[in-house]
Amino acid sequence: MNGTEKPKLPVGLGTALAENTGALKYFSELSAEKQREVIEHTNTISSRTELRNFVRSMAGFGSII
Protein backbone atom coordinates (compact mmCIF):
# COMPACT_ATOMS: atom_id res chain seq x y z
CA MET A 1 0.00 0.00 0.00
CA ASN A 2 1.40 3.39 -0.90
CA GLY A 3 0.98 6.58 1.13
CA THR A 4 -2.09 7.81 -0.74
CA GLU A 5 -4.03 4.56 -1.01
CA LYS A 6 -6.98 4.48 1.38
CA PRO A 7 -6.61 1.80 4.07
CA LYS A 8 -9.08 -1.06 4.50
CA LEU A 9 -11.70 -0.28 7.09
CA PRO A 10 -12.23 -2.81 9.90
CA VAL A 11 -15.83 -4.02 10.11
CA GLY A 12 -16.43 -2.66 13.62
CA LEU A 13 -15.17 0.79 12.74
CA GLY A 14 -17.15 0.77 9.50
CA THR A 15 -20.32 -0.10 11.36
CA ALA A 16 -19.75 2.59 13.99
CA LEU A 17 -19.07 5.18 11.27
CA ALA A 18 -22.21 4.14 9.38
CA GLU A 19 -24.21 4.89 12.53
CA ASN A 20 -22.76 8.40 12.81
CA THR A 21 -22.88 10.47 9.63
CA GLY A 22 -20.86 13.35 11.11
CA ALA A 23 -18.00 11.02 12.03
CA LEU A 24 -18.26 9.27 8.66
CA LYS A 25 -17.95 12.61 6.86
CA TYR A 26 -14.98 13.61 9.03
CA PHE A 27 -13.23 10.26 8.51
CA SER A 28 -13.81 10.22 4.75
CA GLU A 29 -12.22 13.67 4.41
CA LEU A 30 -9.02 12.60 6.19
CA SER A 31 -5.87 11.84 4.25
CA ALA A 32 -4.98 8.16 3.86
CA GLU A 33 -2.25 8.58 6.49
CA LYS A 34 -4.64 10.10 9.04
CA GLN A 35 -7.20 7.36 8.32
CA ARG A 36 -4.49 4.77 9.04
CA GLU A 37 -3.75 6.54 12.34
CA VAL A 38 -7.43 6.39 13.31
CA ILE A 39 -7.61 2.71 12.35
CA GLU A 40 -4.45 1.93 14.32
CA HIS A 41 -5.92 3.71 17.34
CA THR A 42 -9.12 1.66 17.12
CA ASN A 43 -6.99 -1.49 17.41
CA THR A 44 -6.39 -0.47 21.04
CA ILE A 45 -10.12 -0.22 21.81
CA SER A 46 -11.55 -3.28 23.52
CA SER A 47 -15.31 -2.73 23.61
CA ARG A 48 -18.11 -1.75 21.27
CA THR A 49 -19.19 1.05 23.61
CA GLU A 50 -15.68 2.49 23.72
CA LEU A 51 -15.48 2.32 19.91
CA ARG A 52 -18.81 4.12 19.54
CA ASN A 53 -17.68 6.80 21.99
CA PHE A 54 -14.46 7.24 20.03
CA VAL A 55 -16.37 7.58 16.75
CA ARG A 56 -18.81 10.01 18.39
CA SER A 57 -15.84 12.14 19.44
CA MET A 58 -14.71 12.36 15.80
CA ALA A 59 -18.05 13.92 14.87
CA GLY A 60 -17.94 16.44 17.69
CA PHE A 61 -14.34 17.47 17.96
CA GLY A 62 -12.58 16.98 14.64
CA SER A 63 -8.98 15.93 15.24
CA ILE A 64 -8.98 13.38 18.04
CA ILE A 65 -5.66 11.61 17.89
C-alpha atoms as a PDB file:
ATOM      1  CA  MET A   1       0.000   0.000   0.000  1.00  0.00           C
ATOM      2  CA  ASN A   2       1.399   3.387  -0.900  1.00  0.00           C
ATOM      3  CA  GLY A   3       0.979   6.583   1.125  1.00  0.00           C
ATOM      4  CA  THR A   4      -2.085   7.815  -0.739  1.00  0.00           C
ATOM      5  CA  GLU A   5      -4.032   4.561  -1.014  1.00  0.00           C
ATOM      6  CA  LYS A   6      -6.982   4.482   1.379  1.00  0.00           C
ATOM      7  CA  PRO A   7      -6.607   1.798   4.074  1.00  0.00           C
ATOM      8  CA  LYS A   8      -9.076  -1.056   4.501  1.00  0.00           C
ATOM      9  CA  LEU A   9     -11.700  -0.278   7.095  1.00  0.00           C
ATOM     10  CA  PRO A  10     -12.227  -2.813   9.898  1.00  0.00           C
ATOM     11  CA  VAL A  11     -15.835  -4.019  10.114  1.00  0.00           C
ATOM     12  CA  GLY A  12     -16.433  -2.663  13.625  1.00  0.00           C
ATOM     13  CA  LEU A  13     -15.168   0.791  12.737  1.00  0.00           C
ATOM     14  CA  GLY A  14     -17.149   0.774   9.496  1.00  0.00           C
ATOM     15  CA  THR A  15     -20.324  -0.103  11.364  1.00  0.00           C
ATOM     16  CA  ALA A  16     -19.747   2.593  13.989  1.00  0.00           C
ATOM     17  CA  LEU A  17     -19.066   5.184  11.270  1.00  0.00           C
ATOM     18  CA  ALA A  18     -22.214   4.138   9.384  1.00  0.00           C
ATOM     19  CA  GLU A  19     -24.212   4.885  12.532  1.00  0.00           C
ATOM     20  CA  ASN A  20     -22.758   8.400  12.815  1.00  0.00           C
ATOM     21  CA  THR A  21     -22.877  10.468   9.630  1.00  0.00           C
ATOM     22  CA  GLY A  22     -20.856  13.345  11.112  1.00  0.00           C
ATOM     23  CA  ALA A  23     -18.005  11.017  12.027  1.00  0.00           C
ATOM     24  CA  LEU A  24     -18.264   9.268   8.659  1.00  0.00           C
ATOM     25  CA  LYS A  25     -17.950  12.605   6.857  1.00  0.00           C
ATOM     26  CA  TYR A  26     -14.980  13.609   9.026  1.00  0.00           C
ATOM     27  CA  PHE A  27     -13.225  10.261   8.510  1.00  0.00           C
ATOM     28  CA  SER A  28     -13.809  10.225   4.746  1.00  0.00           C
ATOM     29  CA  GLU A  29     -12.221  13.666   4.405  1.00  0.00           C
ATOM     30  CA  LEU A  30      -9.024  12.599   6.191  1.00  0.00           C
ATOM     31  CA  SER A  31      -5.872  11.835   4.248  1.00  0.00           C
ATOM     32  CA  ALA A  32      -4.982   8.165   3.858  1.00  0.00           C
ATOM     33  CA  GLU A  33      -2.250   8.581   6.486  1.00  0.00           C
ATOM     34  CA  LYS A  34      -4.643  10.096   9.039  1.00  0.00           C
ATOM     35  CA  GLN A  35      -7.197   7.362   8.316  1.00  0.00           C
ATOM     36  CA  ARG A  36      -4.493   4.774   9.041  1.00  0.00           C
ATOM     37  CA  GLU A  37      -3.748   6.542  12.342  1.00  0.00           C
ATOM     38  CA  VAL A  38      -7.426   6.389  13.314  1.00  0.00           C
ATOM     39  CA  ILE A  39      -7.615   2.708  12.349  1.00  0.00           C
ATOM     40  CA  GLU A  40      -4.449   1.930  14.325  1.00  0.00           C
ATOM     41  CA  HIS A  41      -5.921   3.710  17.343  1.00  0.00           C
ATOM     42  CA  THR A  42      -9.120   1.659  17.124  1.00  0.00           C
ATOM     43  CA  ASN A  43      -6.993  -1.492  17.412  1.00  0.00           C
ATOM     44  CA  THR A  44      -6.390  -0.470  21.038  1.00  0.00           C
ATOM     45  CA  ILE A  45     -10.120  -0.225  21.807  1.00  0.00           C
ATOM     46  CA  SER A  46     -11.547  -3.278  23.516  1.00  0.00           C
ATOM     47  CA  SER A  47     -15.313  -2.733  23.614  1.00  0.00           C
ATOM     48  CA  ARG A  48     -18.111  -1.746  21.266  1.00  0.00           C
ATOM     49  CA  THR A  49     -19.190   1.048  23.615  1.00  0.00           C
ATOM     50  CA  GLU A  50     -15.684   2.493  23.722  1.00  0.00           C
ATOM     51  CA  LEU A  51     -15.483   2.324  19.910  1.00  0.00           C
ATOM     52  CA  ARG A  52     -18.814   4.124  19.536  1.00  0.00           C
ATOM     53  CA  ASN A  53     -17.676   6.804  21.985  1.00  0.00           C
ATOM     54  CA  PHE A  54     -14.459   7.242  20.033  1.00  0.00           C
ATOM     55  CA  VAL A  55     -16.367   7.576  16.754  1.00  0.00           C
ATOM     56  CA  ARG A  56     -18.813  10.010  18.386  1.00  0.00           C
ATOM     57  CA  SER A  57     -15.840  12.144  19.439  1.00  0.00           C
ATOM     58  CA  MET A  58     -14.714  12.357  15.798  1.00  0.00           C
ATOM     59  CA  ALA A  59     -18.045  13.919  14.865  1.00  0.00           C
ATOM     60  CA  GLY A  60     -17.936  16.439  17.694  1.00  0.00           C
ATOM     61  CA  PHE A  61     -14.343  17.471  17.959  1.00  0.00           C
ATOM     62  CA  GLY A  62     -12.578  16.977  14.640  1.00  0.00           C
ATOM     63  CA  SER A  63      -8.980  15.928  15.242  1.00  0.00           C
ATOM     64  CA  ILE A  64      -8.982  13.377  18.042  1.00  0.00           C
ATOM     65  CA  ILE A  65      -5.658  11.608  17.888  1.00  0.00           C
END
